[in-house]
Amino acid sequence: QAREIAREALCGFEPVEIAIDKAGIAALMRDADGRHLLVRRHGVQWVGRLLDHHNEARLDQNFLTVGTGEKTFGSVTLNLGAQASHWAAGLRHLNVGRPYA
């Protein structure tokens, strides 16, 4: 089901790695090109955003809070258990060379 949601959220996005929040309200996905997609519930539908160098990620033990830098999407806290640090490291790579204003 997560793969189908990814395809609907972003045409052509084929996840090779998926981490689903333990409550089932959000997921992080990575494709073969290293792009990361964050999906979350919005009412009865799913919405997704492709993450880039504007994202913010904060790790707190098993919880990873991800912000897209987009006010309308907001930030999402995912309980990823032991996988949280792995995904936090992957998101840090998106910020390499990030311009600081």
Foldseek 3Di string as FASTA:
>chain_A
DVQVLVCVQPPPAGFPDKFAFPVRFKIWTAGPVLWIKIWGDDPPHIHIDTAALCKDWDDDAQWIKIARVDVVVGIDIGRRHPCRVVVVVSNVVRNVVPDDD
